[in-house]
N, C-alpha and C. Protein backbone atom coordinates (compact mmCIF):
# COMPACT_ATOMS: atom_id res chain seq x y z
N MET A 1 105.24 -6.35 63.22
CA MET A 1 103.80 -6.40 63.24
C MET A 1 103.38 -7.82 62.86
N THR A 2 102.46 -8.37 63.62
CA THR A 2 102.03 -9.75 63.40
C THR A 2 100.99 -9.84 62.30
N PHE A 3 100.84 -11.03 61.74
CA PHE A 3 99.90 -11.25 60.64
C PHE A 3 98.47 -10.88 61.03
N ASP A 4 98.09 -11.16 62.27
CA ASP A 4 96.71 -10.86 62.68
C ASP A 4 96.47 -9.36 62.80
N ARG A 5 97.49 -8.60 63.16
CA ARG A 5 97.34 -7.14 63.23
C ARG A 5 97.21 -6.55 61.82
N VAL A 6 97.98 -7.09 60.86
CA VAL A 6 97.87 -6.61 59.48
C VAL A 6 96.46 -6.89 58.96
N ARG A 7 95.98 -8.09 59.15
CA ARG A 7 94.63 -8.46 58.68
C ARG A 7 93.57 -7.60 59.38
N ALA A 8 93.73 -7.39 60.68
CA ALA A 8 92.75 -6.58 61.42
C ALA A 8 92.70 -5.15 60.88
N LEU A 9 93.87 -4.58 60.56
CA LEU A 9 93.89 -3.23 60.01
C LEU A 9 93.20 -3.18 58.66
N ARG A 10 93.52 -4.14 57.81
CA ARG A 10 92.89 -4.16 56.48
C ARG A 10 91.39 -4.29 56.60
N CYS A 11 90.93 -5.15 57.48
CA CYS A 11 89.49 -5.35 57.65
C CYS A 11 88.84 -4.11 58.27
N THR A 12 89.55 -3.45 59.16
CA THR A 12 89.00 -2.24 59.79
C THR A 12 88.76 -1.15 58.77
N VAL A 13 89.67 -1.02 57.81
CA VAL A 13 89.49 0.01 56.79
C VAL A 13 88.70 -0.51 55.58
N THR A 14 88.21 -1.72 55.71
CA THR A 14 87.36 -2.39 54.71
C THR A 14 87.92 -2.34 53.30
N CYS A 15 89.18 -2.76 53.19
CA CYS A 15 89.84 -2.88 51.88
C CYS A 15 90.04 -4.34 51.55
N ASP A 16 89.99 -4.67 50.27
CA ASP A 16 90.42 -6.00 49.87
C ASP A 16 91.95 -5.98 49.79
N GLU A 17 92.54 -7.15 49.59
CA GLU A 17 94.01 -7.24 49.56
C GLU A 17 94.62 -6.34 48.49
N ALA A 18 94.01 -6.30 47.33
CA ALA A 18 94.56 -5.52 46.22
C ALA A 18 94.55 -4.02 46.53
N ASP A 19 93.45 -3.50 47.07
CA ASP A 19 93.37 -2.07 47.40
C ASP A 19 94.34 -1.73 48.53
N PHE A 20 94.40 -2.59 49.53
CA PHE A 20 95.29 -2.35 50.66
C PHE A 20 96.74 -2.34 50.19
N ALA A 21 97.09 -3.27 49.31
CA ALA A 21 98.44 -3.34 48.76
C ALA A 21 98.77 -2.07 47.98
N CYS A 22 97.83 -1.62 47.18
CA CYS A 22 98.03 -0.41 46.39
C CYS A 22 98.26 0.79 47.29
N LEU A 23 97.48 0.90 48.34
CA LEU A 23 97.61 2.02 49.27
C LEU A 23 98.95 2.01 49.97
N LEU A 24 99.50 0.82 50.20
CA LEU A 24 100.79 0.71 50.90
C LEU A 24 101.98 0.69 49.95
N GLY A 25 101.69 0.64 48.65
CA GLY A 25 102.76 0.62 47.67
C GLY A 25 103.48 -0.71 47.56
N VAL A 26 102.74 -1.79 47.81
CA VAL A 26 103.30 -3.14 47.69
C VAL A 26 102.40 -3.98 46.79
N ASP A 27 102.87 -5.14 46.44
CA ASP A 27 102.10 -6.07 45.63
C ASP A 27 101.05 -6.79 46.48
N ARG A 28 99.95 -7.17 45.85
CA ARG A 28 98.88 -7.89 46.56
C ARG A 28 99.41 -9.17 47.20
N ARG A 29 100.33 -9.83 46.51
CA ARG A 29 100.91 -11.07 47.06
C ARG A 29 101.68 -10.79 48.35
N THR A 30 102.24 -9.59 48.46
CA THR A 30 102.97 -9.22 49.68
C THR A 30 102.00 -9.14 50.85
N VAL A 31 100.86 -8.51 50.65
CA VAL A 31 99.84 -8.44 51.71
C VAL A 31 99.39 -9.85 52.08
N ARG A 32 99.20 -10.69 51.10
CA ARG A 32 98.79 -12.07 51.36
C ARG A 32 99.85 -12.80 52.20
N ARG A 33 101.13 -12.58 51.88
CA ARG A 33 102.21 -13.21 52.66
C ARG A 33 102.24 -12.69 54.09
N TRP A 34 102.02 -11.38 54.25
CA TRP A 34 101.98 -10.82 55.60
C TRP A 34 100.85 -11.45 56.40
N GLU A 35 99.67 -11.53 55.78
CA GLU A 35 98.49 -12.03 56.48
C GLU A 35 98.54 -13.53 56.74
N SER A 36 99.34 -14.25 55.99
CA SER A 36 99.48 -15.68 56.22
C SER A 36 100.63 -15.98 57.18
N GLY A 37 101.42 -14.97 57.52
CA GLY A 37 102.54 -15.15 58.42
C GLY A 37 103.82 -15.61 57.73
N GLU A 38 103.80 -15.69 56.39
CA GLU A 38 105.00 -16.09 55.64
C GLU A 38 106.11 -15.06 55.75
N SER A 39 105.73 -13.79 55.83
CA SER A 39 106.71 -12.71 55.98
C SER A 39 106.07 -11.61 56.81
N SER A 40 106.85 -10.60 57.13
CA SER A 40 106.37 -9.49 57.94
C SER A 40 106.67 -8.18 57.23
N PRO A 41 105.83 -7.17 57.42
CA PRO A 41 106.09 -5.88 56.80
C PRO A 41 107.37 -5.25 57.37
N SER A 42 108.02 -4.46 56.53
CA SER A 42 109.22 -3.75 56.98
C SER A 42 109.30 -2.43 56.22
N GLY A 43 110.21 -1.59 56.62
CA GLY A 43 110.43 -0.32 55.94
C GLY A 43 109.22 0.61 55.99
N ALA A 44 109.02 1.34 54.90
CA ALA A 44 107.94 2.32 54.83
C ALA A 44 106.56 1.70 55.02
N PRO A 45 106.25 0.54 54.42
CA PRO A 45 104.94 -0.05 54.65
C PRO A 45 104.68 -0.36 56.13
N LEU A 46 105.71 -0.84 56.83
CA LEU A 46 105.55 -1.11 58.27
C LEU A 46 105.25 0.18 59.01
N ARG A 47 105.98 1.22 58.70
CA ARG A 47 105.76 2.52 59.38
C ARG A 47 104.34 3.02 59.12
N MET A 48 103.86 2.91 57.88
CA MET A 48 102.50 3.35 57.57
C MET A 48 101.47 2.51 58.32
N LEU A 49 101.70 1.21 58.42
CA LEU A 49 100.78 0.36 59.17
C LEU A 49 100.74 0.74 60.64
N LEU A 50 101.91 1.03 61.21
CA LEU A 50 101.96 1.40 62.62
C LEU A 50 101.27 2.74 62.88
N VAL A 51 101.48 3.69 61.98
CA VAL A 51 100.83 5.00 62.13
C VAL A 51 99.31 4.85 61.97
N LEU A 52 98.89 4.04 61.01
CA LEU A 52 97.46 3.81 60.82
C LEU A 52 96.86 3.14 62.05
N GLU A 53 97.53 2.15 62.58
CA GLU A 53 97.05 1.46 63.77
C GLU A 53 96.90 2.43 64.94
N ASP A 54 97.90 3.28 65.13
CA ASP A 54 97.87 4.27 66.21
C ASP A 54 96.74 5.28 66.00
N ALA A 55 96.58 5.73 64.76
CA ALA A 55 95.51 6.70 64.47
C ALA A 55 94.14 6.10 64.74
N LEU A 56 93.95 4.85 64.37
CA LEU A 56 92.66 4.19 64.62
C LEU A 56 92.42 3.97 66.10
N ARG A 57 93.48 3.71 66.84
CA ARG A 57 93.35 3.54 68.28
C ARG A 57 92.97 4.87 68.93
N SER A 58 93.56 5.96 68.45
CA SER A 58 93.29 7.28 69.01
C SER A 58 91.91 7.80 68.62
N ASP A 59 91.45 7.43 67.44
CA ASP A 59 90.16 7.92 66.92
C ASP A 59 89.43 6.79 66.21
N PRO A 60 88.68 5.98 66.97
CA PRO A 60 87.99 4.85 66.36
C PRO A 60 87.02 5.25 65.24
N SER A 61 86.50 6.45 65.28
CA SER A 61 85.57 6.89 64.23
C SER A 61 86.30 7.11 62.90
N LEU A 62 87.61 7.15 62.93
CA LEU A 62 88.40 7.32 61.72
C LEU A 62 88.09 6.22 60.70
N ALA A 63 87.88 5.02 61.17
CA ALA A 63 87.61 3.88 60.26
C ALA A 63 86.39 4.14 59.40
N GLU A 64 85.39 4.78 59.95
CA GLU A 64 84.16 5.05 59.21
C GLU A 64 84.38 6.07 58.09
N ARG A 65 85.36 6.95 58.27
CA ARG A 65 85.61 8.01 57.29
C ARG A 65 86.62 7.61 56.23
N LEU A 66 87.27 6.48 56.42
CA LEU A 66 88.36 6.12 55.52
C LEU A 66 87.92 5.80 54.11
N GLN A 67 86.82 5.13 53.92
CA GLN A 67 86.44 4.69 52.58
C GLN A 67 86.34 5.85 51.59
N SER A 68 85.65 6.91 51.94
CA SER A 68 85.54 8.03 51.02
C SER A 68 86.87 8.75 50.84
N SER A 69 87.69 8.73 51.87
CA SER A 69 88.98 9.42 51.81
C SER A 69 89.99 8.68 50.97
N ILE A 70 89.89 7.37 50.93
CA ILE A 70 90.84 6.57 50.15
C ILE A 70 90.81 7.00 48.69
N VAL A 71 89.63 7.30 48.19
CA VAL A 71 89.48 7.71 46.80
C VAL A 71 90.21 9.02 46.55
N ARG A 72 90.22 9.92 47.53
CA ARG A 72 90.81 11.24 47.35
C ARG A 72 92.32 11.24 47.29
N GLY A 73 92.98 10.36 48.01
CA GLY A 73 94.43 10.48 48.01
C GLY A 73 95.20 9.31 48.55
N GLY A 74 94.56 8.23 48.81
CA GLY A 74 95.27 7.06 49.29
C GLY A 74 95.62 7.14 50.76
N LEU A 75 96.29 6.11 51.21
CA LEU A 75 96.60 5.96 52.62
C LEU A 75 97.55 7.04 53.11
N ALA A 76 98.49 7.46 52.29
CA ALA A 76 99.42 8.49 52.73
C ALA A 76 98.68 9.76 53.12
N TRP A 77 97.70 10.17 52.31
CA TRP A 77 96.92 11.37 52.62
C TRP A 77 96.13 11.18 53.91
N ILE A 78 95.56 10.02 54.08
CA ILE A 78 94.79 9.72 55.29
C ILE A 78 95.68 9.80 56.52
N LEU A 79 96.87 9.22 56.43
CA LEU A 79 97.77 9.22 57.58
C LEU A 79 98.23 10.63 57.91
N ILE A 80 98.51 11.44 56.90
CA ILE A 80 98.90 12.82 57.15
C ILE A 80 97.78 13.56 57.86
N CYS A 81 96.57 13.38 57.39
CA CYS A 81 95.42 14.02 58.05
C CYS A 81 95.29 13.57 59.49
N ALA A 82 95.45 12.28 59.72
CA ALA A 82 95.33 11.75 61.07
C ALA A 82 96.41 12.32 61.97
N ILE A 83 97.63 12.39 61.47
CA ILE A 83 98.74 12.90 62.26
C ILE A 83 98.54 14.38 62.59
N GLU A 84 98.10 15.14 61.60
CA GLU A 84 97.94 16.57 61.79
C GLU A 84 96.60 16.96 62.40
N GLY A 85 95.73 15.98 62.61
CA GLY A 85 94.44 16.27 63.22
C GLY A 85 93.43 16.92 62.29
N ARG A 86 93.68 16.83 60.98
CA ARG A 86 92.73 17.39 60.00
C ARG A 86 91.51 16.52 59.90
N LYS A 87 90.41 17.12 59.48
CA LYS A 87 89.21 16.35 59.19
C LYS A 87 89.34 15.70 57.82
N LEU A 88 88.86 14.48 57.73
CA LEU A 88 88.87 13.78 56.44
C LEU A 88 87.67 14.19 55.63
């Protein structure tokens, strides 16, 4: 996943670097490195980013519902809902 795609996802879900990092289970500096192109996501964070990207592509209105849902259970809960077709 390229740095611009990571930044676009974070901006789409309207998170700052710290919140986005927390949701992905990584350090804020890691998100900063991804977005600057110094490194690339891998492992579980990469998979979550890809699933989120796909879910947003399939349902653009999902982005509008994410903010209130983030408080309820983080990105993992959001992704599970998106995969299973549940309402947020």
